[in-house]
Amino acid sequence: MTLRDIRDQSAIVHDYHILPVRVYDRNDGRQRWILPCSGREAGEGAATCLHREAREETGLESCRL
């Protein structure tokens, strides 16, 4: 995994509900809830990054910004 300079974060909202993503800390094993976020890949814009990350973390195919 490479470090990325620019990170984007999104909130997926439907009918006033926000969809968090459950993650587990690799160091202590604790569960946390976060908003989908990711570092941009080379040549990727913010919208493309957010769509990719939402699809990867939630399985959602259709999102509006």
N, C-alpha and C. Protein backbone atom coordinates (compact mmCIF):
# COMPACT_ATOMS: atom_id res chain seq x y z
N MET A 1 0.84 -1.18 0.00
CA MET A 1 0.00 0.00 0.00
C MET A 1 0.89 1.24 0.00
N THR A 2 0.57 2.19 -0.85
CA THR A 2 1.36 3.42 -0.91
C THR A 2 0.63 4.54 -0.17
N LEU A 3 1.40 5.47 0.39
CA LEU A 3 0.81 6.63 1.03
C LEU A 3 0.35 7.61 -0.04
N ARG A 4 -0.80 8.22 0.18
CA ARG A 4 -1.34 9.18 -0.78
C ARG A 4 -1.43 10.54 -0.12
N ASP A 5 -1.11 11.58 -0.88
CA ASP A 5 -1.06 12.94 -0.33
C ASP A 5 -2.44 13.54 -0.10
N ILE A 6 -3.41 13.21 -0.93
CA ILE A 6 -4.74 13.81 -0.83
C ILE A 6 -5.74 12.74 -0.43
N ARG A 7 -6.52 13.01 0.63
CA ARG A 7 -7.54 12.07 1.08
C ARG A 7 -8.90 12.72 0.93
N ASP A 8 -9.89 11.92 0.57
CA ASP A 8 -11.26 12.39 0.44
C ASP A 8 -12.15 11.54 1.34
N GLN A 9 -13.17 12.17 1.90
CA GLN A 9 -14.10 11.48 2.78
C GLN A 9 -15.51 11.86 2.37
N SER A 10 -16.43 10.90 2.47
CA SER A 10 -17.79 11.17 2.04
C SER A 10 -18.79 10.73 3.10
N ALA A 11 -19.97 11.29 3.03
CA ALA A 11 -21.08 10.86 3.86
C ALA A 11 -22.16 10.36 2.91
N ILE A 12 -22.56 9.11 3.06
CA ILE A 12 -23.62 8.54 2.23
C ILE A 12 -24.91 8.72 3.02
N VAL A 13 -25.84 9.54 2.47
CA VAL A 13 -27.06 9.91 3.16
C VAL A 13 -28.26 9.47 2.35
N HIS A 14 -29.23 8.85 3.04
CA HIS A 14 -30.48 8.44 2.41
C HIS A 14 -31.59 8.65 3.42
N ASP A 15 -32.58 9.46 3.07
CA ASP A 15 -33.70 9.76 3.98
C ASP A 15 -33.22 10.18 5.36
N TYR A 16 -32.25 11.07 5.41
CA TYR A 16 -31.70 11.63 6.64
C TYR A 16 -30.94 10.61 7.50
N HIS A 17 -30.55 9.49 6.94
CA HIS A 17 -29.73 8.50 7.64
C HIS A 17 -28.35 8.48 7.00
N ILE A 18 -27.32 8.37 7.82
CA ILE A 18 -25.95 8.32 7.34
C ILE A 18 -25.44 6.89 7.44
N LEU A 19 -24.78 6.41 6.38
CA LEU A 19 -24.24 5.06 6.36
C LEU A 19 -22.77 5.07 6.77
N PRO A 20 -22.46 4.57 7.98
CA PRO A 20 -21.06 4.46 8.38
C PRO A 20 -20.47 3.13 7.93
N VAL A 21 -19.16 3.02 8.01
CA VAL A 21 -18.45 1.79 7.68
C VAL A 21 -17.77 1.30 8.96
N ARG A 22 -17.94 0.01 9.26
CA ARG A 22 -17.31 -0.56 10.46
C ARG A 22 -15.90 -1.02 10.11
N VAL A 23 -14.94 -0.60 10.90
CA VAL A 23 -13.54 -1.01 10.71
C VAL A 23 -12.99 -1.50 12.03
N TYR A 24 -11.94 -2.30 11.94
CA TYR A 24 -11.27 -2.81 13.13
C TYR A 24 -9.83 -2.31 13.13
N ASP A 25 -9.41 -1.76 14.25
CA ASP A 25 -8.06 -1.26 14.39
C ASP A 25 -7.08 -2.43 14.35
N ARG A 26 -6.09 -2.37 13.50
CA ARG A 26 -5.10 -3.46 13.37
C ARG A 26 -4.23 -3.61 14.60
N ASN A 27 -4.06 -2.52 15.36
CA ASN A 27 -3.18 -2.56 16.52
C ASN A 27 -3.86 -3.13 17.76
N ASP A 28 -5.08 -2.68 18.04
CA ASP A 28 -5.72 -3.12 19.28
C ASP A 28 -6.98 -3.95 19.06
N GLY A 29 -7.41 -4.12 17.79
CA GLY A 29 -8.57 -4.95 17.49
C GLY A 29 -9.91 -4.31 17.80
N ARG A 30 -9.89 -3.06 18.27
CA ARG A 30 -11.16 -2.40 18.62
C ARG A 30 -11.94 -2.02 17.37
N GLN A 31 -13.25 -2.07 17.50
CA GLN A 31 -14.17 -1.71 16.41
C GLN A 31 -14.42 -0.21 16.43
N ARG A 32 -14.46 0.38 15.25
CA ARG A 32 -14.78 1.80 15.10
C ARG A 32 -15.72 1.96 13.92
N TRP A 33 -16.50 3.02 13.95
CA TRP A 33 -17.39 3.37 12.83
C TRP A 33 -16.86 4.65 12.22
N ILE A 34 -16.66 4.66 10.90
CA ILE A 34 -16.13 5.82 10.21
C ILE A 34 -16.95 6.10 8.95
N LEU A 35 -16.75 7.27 8.38
CA LEU A 35 -17.31 7.56 7.06
C LEU A 35 -16.35 7.02 6.01
N PRO A 36 -16.87 6.55 4.86
CA PRO A 36 -15.98 6.06 3.81
C PRO A 36 -14.95 7.12 3.43
N CYS A 37 -13.69 6.73 3.37
CA CYS A 37 -12.64 7.67 2.99
C CYS A 37 -11.51 6.91 2.30
N SER A 38 -10.74 7.65 1.52
CA SER A 38 -9.65 7.02 0.79
C SER A 38 -8.69 8.08 0.30
N GLY A 39 -7.49 7.64 0.01
CA GLY A 39 -6.53 8.49 -0.67
C GLY A 39 -6.75 8.39 -2.16
N ARG A 40 -6.53 9.48 -2.84
CA ARG A 40 -6.69 9.48 -4.30
C ARG A 40 -5.58 8.69 -4.97
N GLU A 41 -5.94 7.98 -5.99
CA GLU A 41 -4.95 7.26 -6.79
C GLU A 41 -4.42 8.22 -7.85
N ALA A 42 -3.30 7.89 -8.47
CA ALA A 42 -2.66 8.75 -9.46
C ALA A 42 -3.65 9.14 -10.55
N GLY A 43 -3.78 10.44 -10.81
CA GLY A 43 -4.63 10.95 -11.86
C GLY A 43 -6.12 10.94 -11.54
N GLU A 44 -6.49 10.61 -10.32
CA GLU A 44 -7.90 10.48 -9.94
C GLU A 44 -8.39 11.79 -9.32
N GLY A 45 -9.58 12.23 -9.70
CA GLY A 45 -10.19 13.40 -9.12
C GLY A 45 -11.01 13.03 -7.89
N ALA A 46 -11.50 14.05 -7.17
CA ALA A 46 -12.25 13.83 -5.94
C ALA A 46 -13.50 12.99 -6.17
N ALA A 47 -14.29 13.32 -7.19
CA ALA A 47 -15.53 12.60 -7.44
C ALA A 47 -15.27 11.13 -7.76
N THR A 48 -14.28 10.87 -8.59
CA THR A 48 -13.95 9.49 -8.95
C THR A 48 -13.48 8.72 -7.72
N CYS A 49 -12.67 9.36 -6.90
CA CYS A 49 -12.17 8.73 -5.68
C CYS A 49 -13.33 8.36 -4.75
N LEU A 50 -14.26 9.28 -4.55
CA LEU A 50 -15.38 9.02 -3.65
C LEU A 50 -16.30 7.92 -4.17
N HIS A 51 -16.56 7.92 -5.47
CA HIS A 51 -17.38 6.86 -6.06
C HIS A 51 -16.70 5.50 -5.91
N ARG A 52 -15.42 5.44 -6.19
CA ARG A 52 -14.67 4.18 -6.07
C ARG A 52 -14.72 3.67 -4.63
N GLU A 53 -14.47 4.56 -3.69
CA GLU A 53 -14.41 4.14 -2.29
C GLU A 53 -15.78 3.70 -1.79
N ALA A 54 -16.84 4.41 -2.16
CA ALA A 54 -18.19 4.00 -1.76
C ALA A 54 -18.51 2.62 -2.32
N ARG A 55 -18.14 2.39 -3.56
CA ARG A 55 -18.40 1.08 -4.19
C ARG A 55 -17.58 -0.02 -3.50
N GLU A 56 -16.31 0.25 -3.21
CA GLU A 56 -15.45 -0.76 -2.57
C GLU A 56 -15.89 -1.09 -1.14
N GLU A 57 -16.28 -0.07 -0.37
CA GLU A 57 -16.57 -0.29 1.04
C GLU A 57 -18.02 -0.68 1.32
N THR A 58 -18.95 -0.36 0.41
CA THR A 58 -20.35 -0.63 0.68
C THR A 58 -21.01 -1.55 -0.34
N GLY A 59 -20.42 -1.68 -1.52
CA GLY A 59 -21.04 -2.45 -2.57
C GLY A 59 -22.07 -1.67 -3.37
N LEU A 60 -22.30 -0.39 -3.01
CA LEU A 60 -23.24 0.44 -3.73
C LEU A 60 -22.69 0.78 -5.11
N GLU A 61 -23.52 0.70 -6.11
CA GLU A 61 -23.08 1.00 -7.48
C GLU A 61 -23.50 2.40 -7.92
N SER A 62 -24.57 2.92 -7.37
CA SER A 62 -25.10 4.20 -7.84
C SER A 62 -25.06 5.22 -6.71
N CYS A 63 -24.31 6.30 -6.90
CA CYS A 63 -24.21 7.36 -5.91
C CYS A 63 -24.25 8.70 -6.62
N ARG A 64 -24.88 9.69 -5.98
CA ARG A 64 -24.87 11.06 -6.47
C ARG A 64 -24.03 11.91 -5.55
N LEU A 65 -23.31 12.85 -6.11
CA LEU A 65 -22.53 13.79 -5.29
C LEU A 65 -23.31 15.07 -5.13
